[in-house]
Amino acid sequence: MTSQISETKAFPGLSGFEQVPAWVQIHALQCGQGDTILLNLGGRKWVLVDCNLPRVESRAEFFRLMERLGVQRLDLVCLTHPHEDHFAGLAQVMQYFTSEGRTVGTFCDSGVEPKQIATLMRRRHSPSSVVTEFERLYRFVYNLMDAGRIRYFMANENSSPLIEVGDRIRLVPVGPRPDVLSRAIRDVVSAGRMRKDLNRISVVLALSVQGENSTFDALLAADTDSEGCNSALKRFAEVTRGDGRLDVVKVSHHGSADSHFRSRICGHRKSLGATPAVISAASFDVLPDREVLADFLRCGWTVLLTAKRVAPTKHFALELSGRGRGGFGVQTHDIQVTWREADGTKWSPDEARVDAMELPNYGSARGVVISAAPPS
């Protein structure tokens, strides 16, 4: 693979004089322990944030969804950080969207040199198939860039908006901090230290919509740690010139305790209306952690899981996708969250929601103690 070209500026949005619908839709797709987030911005632009579609069957299902939604162009593809459960299958998705008249506008990441990442993967004894998949992705991206078919954008908290739709909708990077990114490149990539530290370079995105009389604000936290969450919330308040309160949060790191506690995410819920906390959960009993679920519920969030554990005696209309340990069933869902100014925040399906009575179905992270009691 060749080195990345220098950063380019984000492409301009629609004219501020053009009427843009004040609505957005967030699709959190069930993809196992990973992230596949699709954004519909006012019906004008489509954004893919991460992609975990490692199997042929899951990619075929994804492409069928794109056909049903009528998606012919991805205006932005953002790889938040180079962990397998965020890029597996992305090369094939890029190929799909650059063939048969379909197009991709911009590819975005945090700017870490892919050669360094591939070297770190080998040093950490990652499976050769994972390294090959990663190299394949960037080789294909570079070829598209060289041919002038896509643009590249390096994102951190100081970057300009990635997407602007008129004067209503903005998708803005609010993390990572440049100093954190530099330190991670030095300590994690060059020195090959702990694998989880790659989460610190996650691109964190803020989605903001300005309606006539109200606003919508969402934070897509990728896999950043608690320090990254707090930094992103501070930057989010600065770029939106608001109080930093959220209508929706894509919970960091699949609901893990070490990325949640010591962050202030739970305290940034808007007080009116439904406020979903969406978790791209693991398929069985790895994540999310019970304490994280309890914390969000205690603070009044509506918690939605892409993979929900259910007791053996519980039955839903939807098909169970598998069996977890201890006899628990696993119910999977593609979650859809929609905001329109007239209607507020709506979400589906209802089966994805977790309440306090279901907390015993989930495991606890070792050594985690929360200061407040879980909801009764």
Protein backbone atom coordinates (compact mmCIF):
# COMPACT_ATOMS: atom_id res chain seq x y z
CA MET A 1 0.00 0.00 0.00
CA THR A 2 1.09 3.55 -0.65
CA SER A 3 1.04 6.47 1.76
CA GLN A 4 -2.06 8.57 2.24
CA ILE A 5 -2.40 11.80 0.36
CA SER A 6 -2.78 15.04 2.27
CA GLU A 7 -6.06 16.03 3.82
CA THR A 8 -8.70 17.59 1.58
CA LYS A 9 -11.48 19.96 2.57
CA ALA A 10 -15.01 18.70 2.97
CA PHE A 11 -17.20 19.23 -0.05
CA PRO A 12 -19.74 22.06 0.23
CA GLY A 13 -23.32 21.38 1.22
CA LEU A 14 -26.47 22.58 -0.45
CA SER A 15 -27.20 26.25 -0.67
CA GLY A 16 -28.53 27.71 2.53
CA PHE A 17 -31.40 29.21 0.50
CA GLU A 18 -32.63 25.77 -0.55
CA GLN A 19 -35.40 24.32 1.60
CA VAL A 20 -34.10 21.22 3.37
CA PRO A 21 -36.42 18.99 5.41
CA ALA A 22 -35.52 19.11 9.11
CA TRP A 23 -35.39 15.38 9.64
CA VAL A 24 -32.82 12.62 9.97
CA GLN A 25 -32.87 8.86 10.25
CA ILE A 26 -30.30 6.65 11.98
CA HIS A 27 -30.11 2.95 11.15
CA ALA A 28 -28.07 0.85 13.61
CA LEU A 29 -27.80 -2.49 11.85
CA GLN A 30 -27.44 -5.77 13.72
CA CYS A 31 -24.02 -7.05 12.71
CA GLY A 32 -22.71 -8.98 15.70
CA GLN A 33 -20.20 -7.27 17.95
CA GLY A 34 -19.41 -4.35 15.72
CA ASP A 35 -20.82 -1.18 14.22
CA THR A 36 -22.69 -0.63 10.97
CA ILE A 37 -24.44 2.75 11.17
CA LEU A 38 -26.32 4.23 8.21
CA LEU A 39 -27.52 7.85 8.26
CA ASN A 40 -30.18 9.43 6.07
CA LEU A 41 -29.78 13.21 6.24
CA GLY A 42 -32.99 14.89 5.23
CA GLY A 43 -33.47 12.53 2.31
CA ARG A 44 -30.59 14.33 0.57
CA LYS A 45 -27.42 12.54 1.68
CA TRP A 46 -26.48 9.07 2.92
CA VAL A 47 -23.58 8.35 5.28
CA LEU A 48 -22.09 5.00 6.34
CA VAL A 49 -20.23 5.05 9.66
CA ASP A 50 -18.21 1.84 10.05
CA CYS A 51 -19.11 -1.49 8.51
CA ASN A 52 -18.97 -4.97 10.03
CA LEU A 53 -20.24 -7.39 7.39
CA PRO A 54 -17.68 -10.21 7.44
CA ARG A 55 -19.90 -12.89 5.91
CA VAL A 56 -21.22 -13.14 2.37
CA GLU A 57 -24.75 -13.58 3.71
CA SER A 58 -24.63 -10.43 5.83
CA ARG A 59 -23.28 -8.37 2.93
CA ALA A 60 -26.00 -9.68 0.61
CA GLU A 61 -28.61 -8.68 3.19
CA PHE A 62 -27.03 -5.23 3.47
CA PHE A 63 -27.12 -4.75 -0.30
CA ARG A 64 -30.77 -5.79 -0.38
CA LEU A 65 -31.46 -3.14 2.25
CA MET A 66 -29.68 -0.53 0.13
CA GLU A 67 -31.90 -1.47 -2.81
CA ARG A 68 -35.05 -1.20 -0.69
CA LEU A 69 -33.98 2.21 0.59
CA GLY A 70 -33.00 3.36 -2.90
CA VAL A 71 -29.41 4.25 -1.90
CA GLN A 72 -27.32 4.84 -5.03
CA ARG A 73 -24.68 7.10 -3.50
CA LEU A 74 -22.87 7.16 -0.18
CA ASP A 75 -21.87 10.79 0.26
CA LEU A 76 -19.53 9.81 3.08
CA VAL A 77 -17.97 6.58 4.33
CA CYS A 78 -16.29 6.98 7.73
CA LEU A 79 -14.06 4.34 9.29
CA THR A 80 -13.84 5.49 12.90
CA HIS A 81 -10.89 3.29 13.88
CA PRO A 82 -9.07 0.23 12.49
CA HIS A 83 -10.54 -2.65 14.49
CA GLU A 84 -11.86 -5.62 12.55
CA ASP A 85 -15.43 -5.33 13.84
CA HIS A 86 -15.60 -1.88 12.25
CA PHE A 87 -14.12 -2.60 8.80
CA ALA A 88 -14.78 -6.27 7.98
CA GLY A 89 -16.56 -6.28 4.62
CA LEU A 90 -16.09 -2.55 3.98
CA ALA A 91 -13.89 -3.19 0.94
CA GLN A 92 -16.73 -5.12 -0.68
CA VAL A 93 -19.21 -2.37 0.20
CA MET A 94 -16.90 0.22 -1.38
CA GLN A 95 -16.69 -1.93 -4.51
CA TYR A 96 -20.47 -2.23 -4.64
CA PHE A 97 -20.96 1.53 -4.34
CA THR A 98 -18.40 2.34 -7.05
CA SER A 99 -19.91 0.06 -9.69
CA GLU A 100 -22.96 0.02 -11.98
CA GLY A 101 -23.54 3.75 -11.69
CA ARG A 102 -23.34 3.91 -7.89
CA THR A 103 -20.91 6.37 -6.30
CA VAL A 104 -19.06 7.29 -3.11
CA GLY A 105 -18.26 10.92 -2.32
CA THR A 106 -15.70 10.98 0.48
CA PHE A 107 -13.78 8.42 2.55
CA CYS A 108 -12.88 9.52 6.06
CA ASP A 109 -10.70 8.18 8.88
CA SER A 110 -8.56 9.57 11.71
CA GLY A 111 -5.47 9.81 9.50
CA VAL A 112 -3.28 7.06 10.96
CA GLU A 113 -0.97 5.59 8.32
CA PRO A 114 -2.43 2.22 7.22
CA LYS A 115 1.06 0.70 6.90
CA GLN A 116 1.58 1.31 10.61
CA ILE A 117 -1.75 -0.31 11.44
CA ALA A 118 -1.00 -3.36 9.29
CA THR A 119 2.42 -3.69 10.97
CA LEU A 120 0.78 -3.47 14.40
CA MET A 121 -1.75 -6.13 13.41
CA ARG A 122 1.04 -8.51 12.44
CA ARG A 123 2.96 -7.71 15.61
CA ARG A 124 -0.13 -8.49 17.66
CA HIS A 125 -0.55 -11.77 15.75
CA SER A 126 -3.85 -10.84 14.15
CA PRO A 127 -5.16 -13.52 11.78
CA SER A 128 -3.69 -13.14 8.31
CA SER A 129 -7.22 -12.85 6.91
CA VAL A 130 -7.81 -9.71 9.02
CA VAL A 131 -4.59 -8.07 7.84
CA THR A 132 -5.37 -8.97 4.23
CA GLU A 133 -8.88 -7.52 4.55
CA PHE A 134 -7.52 -4.26 5.97
CA GLU A 135 -4.86 -3.92 3.28
CA ARG A 136 -7.41 -4.74 0.59
CA LEU A 137 -9.66 -1.94 1.80
CA TYR A 138 -6.99 0.74 1.69
CA ARG A 139 -5.54 -0.48 -1.59
CA PHE A 140 -8.98 -0.09 -3.14
CA VAL A 141 -9.51 3.35 -1.51
CA TYR A 142 -6.13 4.56 -2.82
CA ASN A 143 -6.93 3.38 -6.32
CA LEU A 144 -10.21 5.30 -6.23
CA MET A 145 -8.43 8.39 -4.92
CA ASP A 146 -5.75 8.17 -7.62
CA ALA A 147 -8.48 7.91 -10.25
CA GLY A 148 -10.21 11.00 -8.85
CA ARG A 149 -13.36 9.04 -8.03
CA ILE A 150 -13.50 9.77 -4.30
CA ARG A 151 -12.09 12.35 -1.92
CA TYR A 152 -10.27 11.75 1.34
CA PHE A 153 -10.83 13.54 4.66
CA MET A 154 -8.84 13.22 7.88
CA ALA A 155 -11.07 13.86 10.88
CA ASN A 156 -10.39 15.04 14.41
CA GLU A 157 -12.09 17.48 16.77
CA ASN A 158 -10.66 20.49 14.88
CA SER A 159 -11.94 19.40 11.47
CA SER A 160 -14.61 21.31 9.58
CA PRO A 161 -18.01 19.64 9.10
CA LEU A 162 -17.94 16.47 7.02
CA ILE A 163 -21.46 17.01 5.71
CA GLU A 164 -23.65 20.10 5.56
CA VAL A 165 -27.13 19.86 4.09
CA GLY A 166 -28.33 23.40 3.55
CA ASP A 167 -28.22 25.38 6.75
CA ARG A 168 -30.13 22.79 8.77
CA ILE A 169 -28.13 19.55 9.02
CA ARG A 170 -24.48 19.18 10.00
CA LEU A 171 -22.30 16.14 10.68
CA VAL A 172 -19.23 17.32 12.58
CA PRO A 173 -16.20 15.45 13.96
CA VAL A 174 -15.83 16.17 17.70
CA GLY A 175 -13.07 13.66 18.41
CA PRO A 176 -10.37 12.55 18.78
CA ARG A 177 -8.28 15.38 20.15
CA PRO A 178 -5.16 15.91 18.01
CA ASP A 179 -2.84 15.44 21.00
CA VAL A 180 -4.52 12.13 21.90
CA LEU A 181 -4.21 11.02 18.29
CA SER A 182 -0.52 11.89 18.18
CA ARG A 183 0.16 10.11 21.45
CA ALA A 184 -1.72 7.02 20.28
CA ILE A 185 0.27 6.93 17.05
CA ARG A 186 3.49 7.11 19.04
CA ASP A 187 2.63 4.77 21.89
CA VAL A 188 0.17 2.33 20.38
CA VAL A 189 1.07 2.07 16.73
CA SER A 190 4.81 2.60 16.82
CA ALA A 191 5.49 0.85 20.14
CA GLY A 192 2.80 -1.80 19.66
CA ARG A 193 1.24 -1.43 23.08
CA MET A 194 -2.16 -2.56 24.29
CA ARG A 195 -4.68 -3.28 21.56
CA LYS A 196 -7.58 -1.54 23.27
CA ASP A 197 -5.75 1.78 23.08
CA LEU A 198 -6.60 1.93 19.37
CA ASN A 199 -10.09 2.82 20.56
CA ARG A 200 -8.69 6.15 21.67
CA ILE A 201 -8.20 7.25 18.06
CA SER A 202 -11.89 6.67 17.25
CA VAL A 203 -13.52 9.39 15.20
CA VAL A 204 -16.49 10.68 17.21
CA LEU A 205 -19.26 12.35 15.22
CA ALA A 206 -21.94 14.84 16.24
CA LEU A 207 -25.12 15.04 14.17
CA SER A 208 -27.02 18.29 14.60
CA VAL A 209 -30.29 19.43 12.98
CA GLN A 210 -31.71 22.94 13.29
CA GLY A 211 -35.48 23.05 12.91
CA GLU A 212 -37.70 26.11 12.90
CA ASN A 213 -38.47 25.86 16.61
CA SER A 214 -36.40 22.97 17.97
CA THR A 215 -33.15 21.10 17.45
CA PHE A 216 -31.97 17.52 17.27
CA ASP A 217 -28.55 16.45 18.52
CA ALA A 218 -26.94 13.01 18.41
CA LEU A 219 -23.50 11.72 19.34
CA LEU A 220 -21.98 8.70 17.57
CA ALA A 221 -19.28 7.67 20.02
CA ALA A 222 -17.72 4.74 18.09
CA ASP A 223 -15.40 2.88 20.54
CA THR A 224 -13.81 5.85 22.26
CA ASP A 225 -12.97 5.66 25.97
CA SER A 226 -14.48 7.73 28.78
CA GLU A 227 -11.88 10.49 28.35
CA GLY A 228 -12.72 10.65 24.64
CA CYS A 229 -16.45 10.85 25.44
CA ASN A 230 -15.96 13.75 27.82
CA SER A 231 -13.71 15.59 25.37
CA ALA A 232 -16.21 15.02 22.55
CA LEU A 233 -19.10 16.34 24.67
CA LYS A 234 -17.13 19.51 25.42
CA ARG A 235 -16.25 20.02 21.78
CA PHE A 236 -19.84 19.21 20.75
CA ALA A 237 -21.16 22.03 22.97
CA GLU A 238 -18.63 24.41 21.42
CA VAL A 239 -19.43 23.64 17.79
CA THR A 240 -23.21 23.66 18.33
CA ARG A 241 -23.12 26.63 20.72
CA GLY A 242 -25.59 24.77 22.87
CA ASP A 243 -25.65 23.07 26.24
CA GLY A 244 -24.33 19.76 24.88
CA ARG A 245 -27.49 17.81 25.70
CA LEU A 246 -28.43 14.92 23.46
CA ASP A 247 -31.50 13.42 21.86
CA VAL A 248 -29.67 10.23 20.83
CA VAL A 249 -26.35 8.61 21.68
CA LYS A 250 -24.71 5.65 19.97
CA VAL A 251 -23.13 4.24 23.11
CA SER A 252 -19.36 3.79 23.02
CA HIS A 253 -17.66 0.42 22.66
CA HIS A 254 -20.79 -1.73 22.55
CA GLY A 255 -21.76 -0.87 26.11
CA SER A 256 -18.51 -1.78 27.85
CA ALA A 257 -18.00 -0.55 31.39
CA ASP A 258 -14.41 0.63 30.88
CA SER A 259 -15.55 3.04 28.14
CA HIS A 260 -18.61 4.26 30.03
CA PHE A 261 -17.82 5.00 33.65
CA ARG A 262 -16.02 8.26 34.35
CA SER A 263 -17.74 9.69 31.29
CA ARG A 264 -20.60 12.18 31.60
CA ILE A 265 -22.72 10.80 28.76
CA CYS A 266 -25.66 9.79 30.96
CA GLY A 267 -26.01 13.31 32.33
CA HIS A 268 -26.35 14.87 28.88
CA ARG A 269 -29.86 13.65 28.09
CA LYS A 270 -32.40 16.23 26.95
CA SER A 271 -35.23 16.33 29.44
CA LEU A 272 -38.16 16.29 26.99
CA GLY A 273 -39.31 13.42 24.79
CA ALA A 274 -37.78 10.03 24.06
CA THR A 275 -33.98 9.91 24.21
CA PRO A 276 -32.66 6.60 22.84
CA ALA A 277 -29.29 5.22 23.87
CA VAL A 278 -28.47 2.81 21.04
CA ILE A 279 -26.01 -0.02 21.70
CA SER A 280 -24.47 -2.17 18.98
CA ALA A 281 -24.39 -5.18 21.23
CA ALA A 282 -22.47 -8.43 20.99
CA SER A 283 -24.33 -11.47 19.71
CA PHE A 284 -24.27 -13.47 22.92
CA ASP A 285 -23.10 -12.62 26.44
CA VAL A 286 -20.00 -10.48 25.92
CA LEU A 287 -21.45 -6.95 25.85
CA PRO A 288 -23.17 -4.78 26.96
CA ASP A 289 -22.39 -4.79 30.67
CA ARG A 290 -25.27 -4.84 33.13
CA GLU A 291 -23.94 -1.79 34.99
CA VAL A 292 -23.87 0.30 31.84
CA LEU A 293 -27.47 -0.59 31.03
CA ALA A 294 -28.49 0.21 34.61
CA ASP A 295 -26.76 3.58 34.49
CA PHE A 296 -28.54 4.68 31.31
CA LEU A 297 -31.91 3.46 32.60
CA ARG A 298 -31.40 5.21 35.94
CA CYS A 299 -30.80 8.48 34.08
CA GLY A 300 -33.99 8.17 32.03
CA TRP A 301 -32.68 7.00 28.65
CA THR A 302 -34.57 4.54 26.46
CA VAL A 303 -32.00 1.78 25.92
CA LEU A 304 -32.14 -0.02 22.57
CA LEU A 305 -30.01 -3.08 21.76
CA THR A 306 -29.22 -4.61 18.37
CA ALA A 307 -28.81 -7.97 20.14
CA LYS A 308 -30.96 -8.51 23.20
CA ARG A 309 -30.66 -11.41 25.64
CA VAL A 310 -33.94 -12.98 26.65
CA ALA A 311 -34.69 -15.58 29.28
CA PRO A 312 -35.51 -19.11 28.04
CA THR A 313 -39.20 -18.77 28.99
CA LYS A 314 -39.65 -15.49 27.10
CA HIS A 315 -41.01 -15.55 23.56
CA PHE A 316 -41.12 -12.82 20.93
CA ALA A 317 -42.76 -12.75 17.54
CA LEU A 318 -39.42 -12.14 15.87
CA GLU A 319 -37.14 -15.08 15.20
CA LEU A 320 -34.42 -15.88 17.70
CA SER A 321 -31.06 -15.74 15.94
CA GLY A 322 -29.15 -18.00 18.31
CA ARG A 323 -28.59 -19.30 21.81
CA GLY A 324 -26.28 -17.77 24.34
CA ARG A 325 -24.60 -19.43 27.26
CA GLY A 326 -26.70 -20.47 30.21
CA GLY A 327 -29.75 -21.09 28.04
CA PHE A 328 -30.43 -17.44 27.22
CA GLY A 329 -31.89 -16.68 23.82
CA VAL A 330 -30.56 -13.86 21.64
CA GLN A 331 -33.04 -11.60 19.88
CA THR A 332 -31.54 -9.43 17.14
CA HIS A 333 -32.87 -6.20 15.68
CA ASP A 334 -32.03 -3.55 13.10
CA ILE A 335 -32.81 -0.34 14.99
CA GLN A 336 -34.24 2.74 13.29
CA VAL A 337 -34.36 6.16 14.98
CA THR A 338 -36.11 9.03 13.18
CA TRP A 339 -36.40 12.68 14.14
CA ARG A 340 -38.84 15.09 12.54
CA GLU A 341 -39.52 18.46 14.07
CA ALA A 342 -43.28 17.91 14.03
CA ASP A 343 -43.10 14.45 15.62
CA GLY A 344 -39.96 14.48 17.73
CA THR A 345 -37.83 11.35 18.12
CA LYS A 346 -39.36 7.99 17.18
CA TRP A 347 -37.71 4.58 17.18
CA SER A 348 -38.41 0.96 16.30
CA PRO A 349 -38.77 -1.93 16.90
CA ASP A 350 -40.22 -1.94 20.38
CA GLU A 351 -38.68 -5.38 21.02
CA ALA A 352 -35.21 -3.78 21.02
CA ARG A 353 -35.95 -1.84 24.21
CA VAL A 354 -34.50 -3.06 27.51
CA ASP A 355 -36.15 -2.34 30.85
CA ALA A 356 -34.92 -2.79 34.42
CA MET A 357 -36.65 -6.13 34.83
CA GLU A 358 -34.37 -7.61 32.18
CA LEU A 359 -31.07 -6.54 33.73
CA PRO A 360 -30.46 -9.96 35.35
CA ASN A 361 -30.14 -11.37 31.80
CA TYR A 362 -26.86 -9.48 31.40
CA GLY A 363 -23.40 -9.99 32.80
CA SER A 364 -21.31 -7.71 34.97
CA ALA A 365 -17.85 -6.46 34.25
CA ARG A 366 -15.30 -7.50 36.87
CA GLY A 367 -14.39 -4.86 39.39
CA VAL A 368 -17.03 -2.36 38.28
CA VAL A 369 -18.85 -0.51 41.04
CA ILE A 370 -21.41 2.19 40.32
CA SER A 371 -22.13 4.93 42.79
CA ALA A 372 -25.90 4.90 42.33
CA ALA A 373 -28.28 1.98 42.70
CA PRO A 374 -29.74 0.54 39.50
CA PRO A 375 -33.37 1.33 38.72
CA SER A 376 -35.96 -0.69 40.59
